[in-house]
PDB file of all heavy atoms in Angstrom:
ATOM      1  N   ILE A   1       0.839  -1.243   0.005  1.00  0.00           N
ATOM      2  CA  ILE A   1      -0.006   0.000  -0.003  1.00  0.00           C
ATOM      3  C   ILE A   1       0.887   1.247   0.008  1.00  0.00           C
ATOM      4  O   ILE A   1       0.612   2.239  -0.694  1.00  0.00           O
ATOM      5  CB  ILE A   1      -0.941  -0.008   1.208  1.00  0.00           C
ATOM      6  CG1 ILE A   1      -2.029  -1.092   1.003  1.00  0.00           C
ATOM      7  CG2 ILE A   1      -1.590   1.398   1.407  1.00  0.00           C
ATOM      8  CD1 ILE A   1      -2.980  -1.210   2.230  1.00  0.00           C
ATOM      9  N   GLU A   2       1.974   1.230   0.814  1.00  0.00           N
ATOM     10  CA  GLU A   2       2.784   2.436   0.902  1.00  0.00           C
ATOM     11  C   GLU A   2       3.623   2.623  -0.374  1.00  0.00           C
ATOM     12  O   GLU A   2       4.038   3.776  -0.646  1.00  0.00           O
ATOM     13  CB  GLU A   2       3.716   2.286   2.102  1.00  0.00           C
ATOM     14  CG  GLU A   2       2.982   2.343   3.453  1.00  0.00           C
ATOM     15  CD  GLU A   2       3.887   2.120   4.624  1.00  0.00           C
ATOM     16  OE1 GLU A   2       5.054   1.663   4.402  1.00  0.00           O
ATOM     17  OE2 GLU A   2       3.470   2.432   5.768  1.00  0.00           O
ATOM     18  N   THR A   3       3.898   1.579  -1.090  1.00  0.00           N
ATOM     19  CA  THR A   3       4.819   1.677  -2.248  1.00  0.00           C
ATOM     20  C   THR A   3       4.098   1.879  -3.567  1.00  0.00           C
ATOM     21  O   THR A   3       4.641   2.438  -4.507  1.00  0.00           O
ATOM     22  CB  THR A   3       5.688   0.397  -2.280  1.00  0.00           C
ATOM     23  OG1 THR A   3       6.375   0.202  -1.075  1.00  0.00           O
ATOM     24  CG2 THR A   3       6.751   0.532  -3.429  1.00  0.00           C
ATOM     25  N   THR A   4       2.841   1.384  -3.673  1.00  0.00           N
ATOM     26  CA  THR A   4       2.181   1.336  -4.965  1.00  0.00           C
ATOM     27  C   THR A   4       1.242   2.499  -5.120  1.00  0.00           C
ATOM     28  O   THR A   4       0.372   2.718  -4.225  1.00  0.00           O
ATOM     29  CB  THR A   4       1.432  -0.004  -5.065  1.00  0.00           C
ATOM     30  OG1 THR A   4       2.289  -1.094  -4.812  1.00  0.00           O
ATOM     31  CG2 THR A   4       0.835  -0.134  -6.474  1.00  0.00           C
ATOM     32  N   PRO A   5       1.235   3.240  -6.223  1.00  0.00           N
ATOM     33  CA  PRO A   5       0.243   4.259  -6.531  1.00  0.00           C
ATOM     34  C   PRO A   5      -1.153   3.651  -6.559  1.00  0.00           C
ATOM     35  O   PRO A   5      -1.318   2.514  -7.047  1.00  0.00           O
ATOM     36  CB  PRO A   5       0.687   4.823  -7.883  1.00  0.00           C
ATOM     37  CG  PRO A   5       2.100   4.428  -8.000  1.00  0.00           C
ATOM     38  CD  PRO A   5       2.248   3.126  -7.297  1.00  0.00           C
ATOM     39  N   ILE A   6      -2.127   4.406  -6.132  1.00  0.00           N
ATOM     40  CA  ILE A   6      -3.476   3.894  -6.074  1.00  0.00           C
ATOM     41  C   ILE A   6      -4.012   3.480  -7.428  1.00  0.00           C
ATOM     42  O   ILE A   6      -4.750   2.460  -7.552  1.00  0.00           O
ATOM     43  CB  ILE A   6      -4.443   4.992  -5.455  1.00  0.00           C
ATOM     44  CG1 ILE A   6      -5.845   4.341  -5.155  1.00  0.00           C
ATOM     45  CG2 ILE A   6      -4.532   6.182  -6.395  1.00  0.00           C
ATOM     46  CD1 ILE A   6      -5.813   3.363  -4.081  1.00  0.00           C
ATOM     47  N   GLU A   7      -3.573   4.166  -8.517  1.00  0.00           N
ATOM     48  CA  GLU A   7      -4.053   3.803  -9.836  1.00  0.00           C
ATOM     49  C   GLU A   7      -3.462   2.476 -10.355  1.00  0.00           C
ATOM     50  O   GLU A   7      -3.930   1.955 -11.353  1.00  0.00           O
ATOM     51  CB  GLU A   7      -3.765   4.932 -10.813  1.00  0.00           C
ATOM     52  CG  GLU A   7      -2.329   5.228 -11.041  1.00  0.00           C
ATOM     53  CD  GLU A   7      -1.742   6.248 -10.036  1.00  0.00           C
ATOM     54  OE1 GLU A   7      -2.455   6.531  -9.048  1.00  0.00           O
ATOM     55  OE2 GLU A   7      -0.657   6.783 -10.324  1.00  0.00           O
ATOM     56  N   LEU A   8      -2.419   1.942  -9.694  1.00  0.00           N
ATOM     57  CA  LEU A   8      -1.849   0.705 -10.063  1.00  0.00           C
ATOM     58  C   LEU A   8      -2.117  -0.429  -9.078  1.00  0.00           C
ATOM     59  O   LEU A   8      -1.714  -1.554  -9.314  1.00  0.00           O
ATOM     60  CB  LEU A   8      -0.307   0.822 -10.195  1.00  0.00           C
ATOM     61  CG  LEU A   8       0.270   1.665 -11.372  1.00  0.00           C
ATOM     62  CD1 LEU A   8       1.739   1.861 -11.221  1.00  0.00           C
ATOM     63  CD2 LEU A   8      -0.041   0.962 -12.719  1.00  0.00           C
ATOM     64  N   MET A   9      -2.802  -0.110  -8.003  1.00  0.00           N
ATOM     65  CA  MET A   9      -2.966  -1.038  -6.893  1.00  0.00           C
ATOM     66  C   MET A   9      -3.565  -2.360  -7.345  1.00  0.00           C
ATOM     67  O   MET A   9      -3.125  -3.460  -6.975  1.00  0.00           O
ATOM     68  CB  MET A   9      -3.788  -0.390  -5.799  1.00  0.00           C
ATOM     69  CG  MET A   9      -3.819  -1.205  -4.519  1.00  0.00           C
ATOM     70  SD  MET A   9      -2.277  -1.091  -3.598  1.00  0.00           S
ATOM     71  CE  MET A   9      -2.372   0.618  -2.976  1.00  0.00           C
ATOM     72  N   GLY A  10      -4.662  -2.303  -8.092  1.00  0.00           N
ATOM     73  CA  GLY A  10      -5.320  -3.520  -8.498  1.00  0.00           C
ATOM     74  C   GLY A  10      -4.451  -4.483  -9.275  1.00  0.00           C
ATOM     75  O   GLY A  10      -4.404  -5.649  -9.042  1.00  0.00           O
ATOM     76  N   ARG A  11      -3.730  -3.926 -10.236  1.00  0.00           N
ATOM     77  CA  ARG A  11      -2.862  -4.755 -11.076  1.00  0.00           C
ATOM     78  C   ARG A  11      -1.665  -5.321 -10.264  1.00  0.00           C
ATOM     79  O   ARG A  11      -1.337  -6.517 -10.424  1.00  0.00           O
ATOM     80  CB  ARG A  11      -2.336  -3.923 -12.274  1.00  0.00           C
ATOM     81  CG  ARG A  11      -3.338  -3.730 -13.368  1.00  0.00           C
ATOM     82  CD  ARG A  11      -2.936  -2.585 -14.319  1.00  0.00           C
ATOM     83  NE  ARG A  11      -3.252  -1.309 -13.734  1.00  0.00           N
ATOM     84  CZ  ARG A  11      -2.975  -0.143 -14.286  1.00  0.00           C
ATOM     85  NH1 ARG A  11      -2.325  -0.120 -15.440  1.00  0.00           N
ATOM     86  NH2 ARG A  11      -3.333   1.010 -13.702  1.00  0.00           N
ATOM     87  N   VAL A  12      -1.051  -4.493  -9.437  1.00  0.00           N
ATOM     88  CA  VAL A  12       0.137  -4.945  -8.742  1.00  0.00           C
ATOM     89  C   VAL A  12      -0.230  -6.036  -7.723  1.00  0.00           C
ATOM     90  O   VAL A  12       0.416  -7.052  -7.632  1.00  0.00           O
ATOM     91  CB  VAL A  12       0.804  -3.770  -8.037  1.00  0.00           C
ATOM     92  CG1 VAL A  12       1.915  -4.222  -7.092  1.00  0.00           C
ATOM     93  CG2 VAL A  12       1.385  -2.816  -9.046  1.00  0.00           C
ATOM     94  N   VAL A  13      -1.320  -5.793  -6.990  1.00  0.00           N
ATOM     95  CA  VAL A  13      -1.771  -6.790  -5.993  1.00  0.00           C
ATOM     96  C   VAL A  13      -2.223  -8.074  -6.695  1.00  0.00           C
ATOM     97  O   VAL A  13      -1.965  -9.189  -6.203  1.00  0.00           O
ATOM     98  CB  VAL A  13      -2.953  -6.193  -5.166  1.00  0.00           C
ATOM     99  CG1 VAL A  13      -3.591  -7.301  -4.294  1.00  0.00           C
ATOM    100  CG2 VAL A  13      -2.429  -5.079  -4.265  1.00  0.00           C
ATOM    101  N   ALA A  14      -2.844  -7.929  -7.869  1.00  0.00           N
ATOM    102  CA  ALA A  14      -3.289  -9.150  -8.614  1.00  0.00           C
ATOM    103  C   ALA A  14      -2.143  -9.936  -9.103  1.00  0.00           C
ATOM    104  O   ALA A  14      -2.127 -11.159  -9.089  1.00  0.00           O
ATOM    105  CB  ALA A  14      -4.176  -8.689  -9.782  1.00  0.00           C
ATOM    106  N   PHE A  15      -1.081  -9.284  -9.638  1.00  0.00           N
ATOM    107  CA  PHE A  15       0.076 -10.036 -10.094  1.00  0.00           C
ATOM    108  C   PHE A  15       0.754 -10.713  -8.922  1.00  0.00           C
ATOM    109  O   PHE A  15       1.172 -11.872  -9.091  1.00  0.00           O
ATOM    110  CB  PHE A  15       1.088  -9.084 -10.786  1.00  0.00           C
ATOM    111  CG  PHE A  15       0.903  -8.961 -12.251  1.00  0.00           C
ATOM    112  CD1 PHE A  15       0.481  -7.776 -12.808  1.00  0.00           C
ATOM    113  CD2 PHE A  15       1.091 -10.048 -13.087  1.00  0.00           C
ATOM    114  CE1 PHE A  15       0.280  -7.629 -14.214  1.00  0.00           C
ATOM    115  CE2 PHE A  15       0.876  -9.945 -14.455  1.00  0.00           C
ATOM    116  CZ  PHE A  15       0.494  -8.703 -15.019  1.00  0.00           C
ATOM    117  N   ARG A  16       0.886 -10.054  -7.825  1.00  0.00           N
ATOM    118  CA  ARG A  16       1.440 -10.768  -6.626  1.00  0.00           C
ATOM    119  C   ARG A  16       0.560 -11.959  -6.284  1.00  0.00           C
ATOM    120  O   ARG A  16       1.074 -13.053  -6.001  1.00  0.00           O
ATOM    121  CB  ARG A  16       1.436  -9.799  -5.463  1.00  0.00           C
ATOM    122  CG  ARG A  16       1.851 -10.496  -4.115  1.00  0.00           C
ATOM    123  CD  ARG A  16       1.673  -9.605  -2.907  1.00  0.00           C
ATOM    124  NE  ARG A  16       1.620 -10.482  -1.693  1.00  0.00           N
ATOM    125  CZ  ARG A  16       2.696 -10.951  -1.110  1.00  0.00           C
ATOM    126  NH1 ARG A  16       3.899 -10.776  -1.645  1.00  0.00           N
ATOM    127  NH2 ARG A  16       2.585 -11.728  -0.035  1.00  0.00           N
ATOM    128  N   GLY A  17      -0.754 -11.744  -6.263  1.00  0.00           N
ATOM    129  CA  GLY A  17      -1.686 -12.866  -5.949  1.00  0.00           C
ATOM    130  C   GLY A  17      -1.528 -14.039  -6.913  1.00  0.00           C
ATOM    131  O   GLY A  17      -1.573 -15.174  -6.447  1.00  0.00           O
ATOM    132  N   SER A  18      -1.312 -13.753  -8.172  1.00  0.00           N
ATOM    133  CA  SER A  18      -1.163 -14.828  -9.134  1.00  0.00           C
ATOM    134  C   SER A  18       0.066 -15.714  -8.814  1.00  0.00           C
ATOM    135  O   SER A  18       0.008 -16.911  -8.863  1.00  0.00           O
ATOM    136  CB  SER A  18      -1.046 -14.259 -10.563  1.00  0.00           C
ATOM    137  OG  SER A  18      -2.274 -13.748 -10.974  1.00  0.00           O
ATOM    138  N   LEU A  19       1.174 -15.042  -8.480  1.00  0.00           N
ATOM    139  CA  LEU A  19       2.386 -15.776  -8.202  1.00  0.00           C
ATOM    140  C   LEU A  19       2.270 -16.585  -6.917  1.00  0.00           C
ATOM    141  O   LEU A  19       2.629 -17.731  -6.864  1.00  0.00           O
ATOM    142  CB  LEU A  19       3.577 -14.791  -8.109  1.00  0.00           C
ATOM    143  CG  LEU A  19       3.956 -14.137  -9.453  1.00  0.00           C
ATOM    144  CD1 LEU A  19       4.996 -13.039  -9.208  1.00  0.00           C
ATOM    145  CD2 LEU A  19       4.515 -15.124 -10.419  1.00  0.00           C
ATOM    146  N   VAL A  20       1.747 -15.936  -5.879  1.00  0.00           N
ATOM    147  CA  VAL A  20       1.621 -16.621  -4.569  1.00  0.00           C
ATOM    148  C   VAL A  20       0.589 -17.744  -4.633  1.00  0.00           C
ATOM    149  O   VAL A  20       0.850 -18.857  -4.164  1.00  0.00           O
ATOM    150  CB  VAL A  20       1.259 -15.595  -3.465  1.00  0.00           C
ATOM    151  CG1 VAL A  20       1.029 -16.330  -2.108  1.00  0.00           C
ATOM    152  CG2 VAL A  20       2.410 -14.593  -3.259  1.00  0.00           C
ATOM    153  N   PHE A  21      -0.565 -17.453  -5.199  1.00  0.00           N
ATOM    154  CA  PHE A  21      -1.613 -18.451  -5.260  1.00  0.00           C
ATOM    155  C   PHE A  21      -1.242 -19.570  -6.254  1.00  0.00           C
ATOM    156  O   PHE A  21      -1.670 -20.707  -6.080  1.00  0.00           O
ATOM    157  CB  PHE A  21      -2.969 -17.841  -5.642  1.00  0.00           C
ATOM    158  CG  PHE A  21      -3.673 -17.262  -4.500  1.00  0.00           C
ATOM    159  CD1 PHE A  21      -3.678 -15.875  -4.307  1.00  0.00           C
ATOM    160  CD2 PHE A  21      -4.403 -18.066  -3.640  1.00  0.00           C
ATOM    161  CE1 PHE A  21      -4.341 -15.309  -3.208  1.00  0.00           C
ATOM    162  CE2 PHE A  21      -5.080 -17.516  -2.575  1.00  0.00           C
ATOM    163  CZ  PHE A  21      -5.050 -16.157  -2.346  1.00  0.00           C
ATOM    164  N   GLY A  22      -0.432 -19.219  -7.248  1.00  0.00           N
ATOM    165  CA  GLY A  22       0.053 -20.227  -8.169  1.00  0.00           C
ATOM    166  C   GLY A  22       0.925 -21.258  -7.438  1.00  0.00           C
ATOM    167  O   GLY A  22       0.758 -22.488  -7.603  1.00  0.00           O
ATOM    168  N   ALA A  23       1.768 -20.784  -6.579  1.00  0.00           N
ATOM    169  CA  ALA A  23       2.585 -21.695  -5.728  1.00  0.00           C
ATOM    170  C   ALA A  23       1.725 -22.501  -4.802  1.00  0.00           C
ATOM    171  O   ALA A  23       1.928 -23.713  -4.568  1.00  0.00           O
ATOM    172  CB  ALA A  23       3.643 -20.908  -4.972  1.00  0.00           C
ATOM    173  N   MET A  24       0.703 -21.845  -4.168  1.00  0.00           N
ATOM    174  CA  MET A  24      -0.141 -22.536  -3.283  1.00  0.00           C
ATOM    175  C   MET A  24      -0.970 -23.646  -4.032  1.00  0.00           C
ATOM    176  O   MET A  24      -1.193 -24.717  -3.499  1.00  0.00           O
ATOM    177  CB  MET A  24      -1.116 -21.547  -2.636  1.00  0.00           C
ATOM    178  CG  MET A  24      -0.500 -20.658  -1.580  1.00  0.00           C
ATOM    179  SD  MET A  24      -1.565 -19.282  -1.034  1.00  0.00           S
ATOM    180  CE  MET A  24      -2.997 -20.223  -0.502  1.00  0.00           C
ATOM    181  N   THR A  25      -1.351 -23.335  -5.254  1.00  0.00           N
ATOM    182  CA  THR A  25      -2.087 -24.319  -6.064  1.00  0.00           C
ATOM    183  C   THR A  25      -1.274 -25.532  -6.343  1.00  0.00           C
ATOM    184  O   THR A  25      -1.718 -26.643  -6.252  1.00  0.00           O
ATOM    185  CB  THR A  25      -2.589 -23.613  -7.388  1.00  0.00           C
ATOM    186  OG1 THR A  25      -3.395 -22.507  -7.062  1.00  0.00           O
ATOM    187  CG2 THR A  25      -3.366 -24.628  -8.207  1.00  0.00           C
ATOM    188  N   LEU A  26      -0.004 -25.253  -6.731  1.00  0.00           N
ATOM    189  CA  LEU A  26       0.896 -26.392  -6.958  1.00  0.00           C
ATOM    190  C   LEU A  26       1.051 -27.234  -5.735  1.00  0.00           C
ATOM    191  O   LEU A  26       1.048 -28.427  -5.813  1.00  0.00           O
ATOM    192  CB  LEU A  26       2.268 -25.811  -7.419  1.00  0.00           C
ATOM    193  CG  LEU A  26       3.364 -26.851  -7.631  1.00  0.00           C
ATOM    194  CD1 LEU A  26       3.001 -27.797  -8.767  1.00  0.00           C
ATOM    195  CD2 LEU A  26       4.692 -26.155  -7.919  1.00  0.00           C
ATOM    196  N   ALA A  27       1.182 -26.553  -4.566  1.00  0.00           N
ATOM    197  CA  ALA A  27       1.319 -27.293  -3.292  1.00  0.00           C
ATOM    198  C   ALA A  27       0.073 -28.139  -2.997  1.00  0.00           C
ATOM    199  O   ALA A  27       0.166 -29.270  -2.498  1.00  0.00           O
ATOM    200  CB  ALA A  27       1.600 -26.304  -2.162  1.00  0.00           C
ATOM    201  N   MET A  28      -1.109 -27.562  -3.256  1.00  0.00           N
ATOM    202  CA  MET A  28      -2.367 -28.343  -3.074  1.00  0.00           C
ATOM    203  C   MET A  28      -2.378 -29.572  -3.931  1.00  0.00           C
ATOM    204  O   MET A  28      -2.701 -30.647  -3.438  1.00  0.00           O
ATOM    205  CB  MET A  28      -3.556 -27.467  -3.435  1.00  0.00           C
ATOM    206  CG  MET A  28      -3.867 -26.379  -2.430  1.00  0.00           C
ATOM    207  SD  MET A  28      -5.358 -25.495  -2.954  1.00  0.00           S
ATOM    208  CE  MET A  28      -5.424 -24.242  -1.699  1.00  0.00           C
ATOM    209  N   ALA A  29      -2.003 -29.415  -5.168  1.00  0.00           N
ATOM    210  CA  ALA A  29      -2.035 -30.611  -6.065  1.00  0.00           C
ATOM    211  C   ALA A  29      -1.053 -31.651  -5.604  1.00  0.00           C
ATOM    212  O   ALA A  29      -1.377 -32.892  -5.508  1.00  0.00           O
ATOM    213  CB  ALA A  29      -1.688 -30.185  -7.476  1.00  0.00           C
ATOM    214  N   ILE A  30       0.181 -31.248  -5.254  1.00  0.00           N
ATOM    215  CA  ILE A  30       1.170 -32.237  -4.819  1.00  0.00           C
ATOM    216  C   ILE A  30       0.795 -32.856  -3.508  1.00  0.00           C
ATOM    217  O   ILE A  30       0.882 -34.100  -3.335  1.00  0.00           O
ATOM    218  CB  ILE A  30       2.558 -31.496  -4.632  1.00  0.00           C
ATOM    219  CG1 ILE A  30       3.056 -31.016  -6.034  1.00  0.00           C
ATOM    220  CG2 ILE A  30       3.590 -32.395  -3.978  1.00  0.00           C
ATOM    221  CD1 ILE A  30       4.298 -30.167  -5.870  1.00  0.00           C
TER     222      ILE A  30
END
């Protein structure tokens, strides 16, 4: 929140979520 401009917040948080949840998804499958 402190680093990201408000107009980019949705995209930046979503890209982070994709990477983190991608790893979690792989862990679930394994």
